[in-house]
Protein backbone atom coordinates (compact mmCIF):
# COMPACT_ATOMS: atom_id res chain seq x y z
CA ASN A 1 -43.93 -20.16 51.92
CA ASN A 2 -44.87 -23.34 54.02
CA PHE A 3 -47.82 -23.92 51.70
CA PHE A 4 -45.69 -24.21 48.63
CA SER A 5 -43.09 -26.21 50.41
CA GLN A 6 -45.76 -28.69 51.31
CA ILE A 7 -46.78 -28.57 47.72
CA LEU A 8 -43.56 -29.46 46.55
CA VAL A 9 -43.43 -32.43 48.89
CA SER A 10 -46.68 -33.65 47.54
CA PHE A 11 -45.28 -33.51 43.98
CA ASN A 12 -42.40 -35.56 44.92
CA ILE A 13 -44.56 -38.09 46.40
CA TYR A 14 -46.62 -38.19 43.17
CA ILE A 15 -43.20 -38.52 41.08
CA TYR A 16 -42.54 -41.45 43.83
CA ILE A 17 -45.84 -43.17 43.33
CA TYR A 18 -46.00 -43.01 39.66
CA PHE A 19 -42.36 -42.81 38.37
CA PRO A 20 -40.35 -44.80 40.97
CA ILE A 21 -37.27 -44.78 38.70
CA PHE A 22 -36.35 -41.22 39.14
CA VAL A 23 -36.72 -41.22 43.01
CA SER A 24 -33.24 -41.09 44.69
CA VAL A 25 -32.46 -43.37 47.46
CA GLU A 26 -32.19 -40.27 50.00
CA MET A 27 -35.69 -39.20 48.95
CA GLU A 28 -36.97 -42.79 49.36
CA ASP A 29 -35.52 -42.78 52.75
CA SER A 30 -37.08 -39.37 53.78
CA ILE A 31 -40.46 -40.39 52.87
CA MET A 32 -40.49 -43.39 54.65
CA ASP A 33 -39.00 -41.86 57.55
CA ASP A 34 -41.94 -39.31 57.62
CA GLY A 35 -44.65 -41.84 58.16
CA GLY A 36 -44.94 -43.50 54.81
CA LEU A 37 -47.35 -42.78 52.10
CA GLU A 38 -50.31 -42.85 54.66
CA GLY A 39 -49.00 -40.15 56.71
CA CYS A 40 -48.25 -37.92 53.55
CA ILE A 41 -51.89 -38.34 52.52
CA GLU A 42 -53.11 -37.52 55.94
CA ASP A 43 -50.92 -34.56 55.91
CA MET A 44 -52.51 -33.32 52.56
CA ARG A 45 -55.76 -33.72 53.92
CA GLU A 46 -54.82 -31.22 56.77
CA LEU A 47 -53.19 -29.11 54.44
CA ALA A 48 -56.53 -28.84 52.23
CA LYS A 49 -58.80 -28.26 55.29
CA ASP A 50 -56.10 -25.05 56.23
CA LYS A 51 -56.32 -23.88 52.54
CA SER A 52 -59.78 -24.50 51.75
CA PRO A 53 -62.00 -21.54 49.85
CA TYR A 54 -64.23 -19.65 52.12
CA LEU A 55 -66.77 -17.02 51.73
CA GLY A 56 -65.66 -13.65 51.42
CA MET A 57 -61.88 -14.80 50.39
CA GLU A 58 -60.61 -11.95 48.32
CA PHE A 59 -58.39 -12.23 45.21
CA PRO A 60 -56.64 -9.81 43.06
CA SER A 61 -57.63 -11.13 39.70
CA GLU A 62 -59.81 -13.91 38.27
CA GLU A 63 -56.47 -15.75 36.94
CA ALA A 64 -55.35 -15.72 40.79
CA ALA A 65 -58.68 -17.41 41.91
CA TYR A 66 -58.48 -19.77 39.13
CA GLU A 67 -54.99 -20.82 40.06
CA PHE A 68 -55.91 -21.19 43.87
CA TYR A 69 -58.86 -23.37 43.22
CA ASN A 70 -57.00 -25.57 40.53
CA GLU A 71 -54.26 -25.99 43.41
CA TYR A 72 -56.91 -26.87 45.99
CA GLY A 73 -58.20 -29.20 43.78
CA ARG A 74 -55.17 -30.94 43.14
CA ILE A 75 -54.38 -31.23 46.75
CA VAL A 76 -57.81 -32.62 47.54
CA GLY A 77 -57.98 -34.79 44.40
CA PHE A 78 -60.18 -33.31 41.63
CA SER A 79 -59.61 -31.28 38.51
CA ILE A 80 -61.60 -27.76 37.67
CA ARG A 81 -62.73 -26.09 34.79
CA ARG A 82 -64.18 -22.68 34.23
CA ASP A 83 -68.05 -22.99 33.78
CA TYR A 84 -69.41 -19.54 32.79
CA CYS A 85 -68.85 -15.84 33.31
CA ASN A 86 -71.22 -12.87 33.33
CA LYS A 87 -70.18 -9.43 31.99
CA SER A 88 -71.53 -6.05 32.66
CA GLN A 89 -73.87 -4.73 29.84
CA LYS A 90 -72.46 -1.28 30.26
CA ASP A 91 -68.66 -1.56 29.87
CA CYS A 92 -68.52 -5.46 29.02
CA VAL A 93 -66.28 -5.97 32.23
CA MET A 94 -66.42 -9.68 33.75
CA THR A 95 -68.33 -9.13 37.05
CA SER A 96 -68.71 -12.88 38.16
CA ARG A 97 -67.15 -16.43 37.19
CA LYS A 98 -67.93 -19.86 38.08
CA PHE A 99 -65.48 -22.61 38.61
CA VAL A 100 -66.60 -26.10 38.58
CA CYS A 101 -65.50 -29.60 39.28
CA CYS A 102 -64.44 -31.44 35.88
CA MET A 103 -67.03 -33.98 36.67
CA GLU A 104 -69.89 -31.37 36.73
CA GLY A 105 -72.74 -31.70 34.30
CA GLU A 106 -73.99 -34.65 32.02
CA ARG A 107 -73.10 -35.29 28.43
CA GLU A 108 -75.91 -34.51 25.76
CA LYS A 109 -77.20 -37.53 24.00
CA ASP A 110 -75.64 -37.71 20.27
CA LYS A 111 -78.39 -36.66 18.01
CA ARG A 112 -76.59 -37.92 14.89
CA TYR A 113 -77.10 -41.74 15.48
CA THR A 114 -79.80 -43.90 16.85
CA MET A 115 -77.65 -47.05 17.02
CA ILE A 116 -74.21 -46.31 18.58
CA LYS A 117 -71.70 -49.32 17.90
CA ASN A 118 -69.19 -47.96 20.16
CA PRO A 119 -70.17 -45.47 22.90
CA ARG A 120 -67.72 -43.56 24.47
CA SER A 121 -67.31 -43.95 28.39
CA GLU A 122 -69.28 -41.60 30.62
CA THR A 123 -66.85 -38.99 32.01
CA ARG A 124 -68.91 -36.59 33.89
CA ALA A 125 -71.08 -37.58 37.02
CA ASN A 126 -73.23 -34.45 37.64
CA CYS A 127 -70.89 -33.45 40.35
CA LYS A 128 -72.16 -30.22 42.45
CA ALA A 129 -68.78 -28.66 43.74
CA PHE A 130 -68.10 -25.33 42.70
CA MET A 131 -66.65 -21.94 43.49
CA HIS A 132 -68.27 -18.74 42.62
CA ILE A 133 -66.52 -15.51 42.44
CA SER A 134 -67.68 -12.00 41.94
CA PHE A 135 -65.65 -8.73 41.11
CA LYS A 136 -66.32 -6.02 43.66
CA ARG A 137 -65.65 -2.60 41.93
CA ASP A 138 -65.15 -0.50 45.37
CA LEU A 139 -62.45 -2.83 46.22
CA SER A 140 -61.21 -3.76 42.84
CA LYS A 141 -60.79 -7.39 44.11
CA TRP A 142 -62.55 -10.90 43.27
CA ILE A 143 -64.41 -12.25 46.39
CA VAL A 144 -65.64 -15.65 46.80
CA ALA A 145 -69.45 -15.53 46.93
CA LYS A 146 -70.51 -19.18 47.05
CA PHE A 147 -68.56 -22.36 47.61
CA ASP A 148 -69.72 -25.99 47.73
CA SER A 149 -67.19 -28.80 48.35
CA ASN A 150 -69.35 -31.89 48.09
CA HIS A 151 -68.31 -34.30 45.31
CA ASN A 152 -70.78 -37.11 44.46
CA HIS A 153 -67.78 -39.31 42.82
CA PRO A 154 -64.60 -40.76 44.20
CA LEU A 155 -61.50 -38.40 44.46
CA HIS A 156 -57.94 -39.06 43.07
CA LEU A 157 -55.20 -39.73 45.36
CA PRO A 158 -53.36 -36.36 46.22
């Protein structure tokens, strides 16, 4: 419950930073009374430490794991995407899934043209941050099997 109330506060601060027209005077006063934006960012970093994934963490479904890692990424300052999944050959049930930072990998070279007039900006930085989950049939739960939180690019403001 406390986790979601702190997320709501961070969402309100996001609105305050990017859409100051919509913020009421009472909300502005409460943000500044609590230590300002710097205090809130520090609070968000502490929250991220408390809510970071760890090996052996359990989830009831793959979607729940995705929602958790997506929210963690939002708090820390990065976006995520689903990378790959493995399925059982016997019954085609998903057995593992990897979630990665949106900056993971590198874009392939465009094979169509040798001289590109207006190249697109680079959107990937070969980031290695990920969370790998695997399905344990005996528990009927998804377990965090591997986790790496090291990013090689600047993170967004929470």
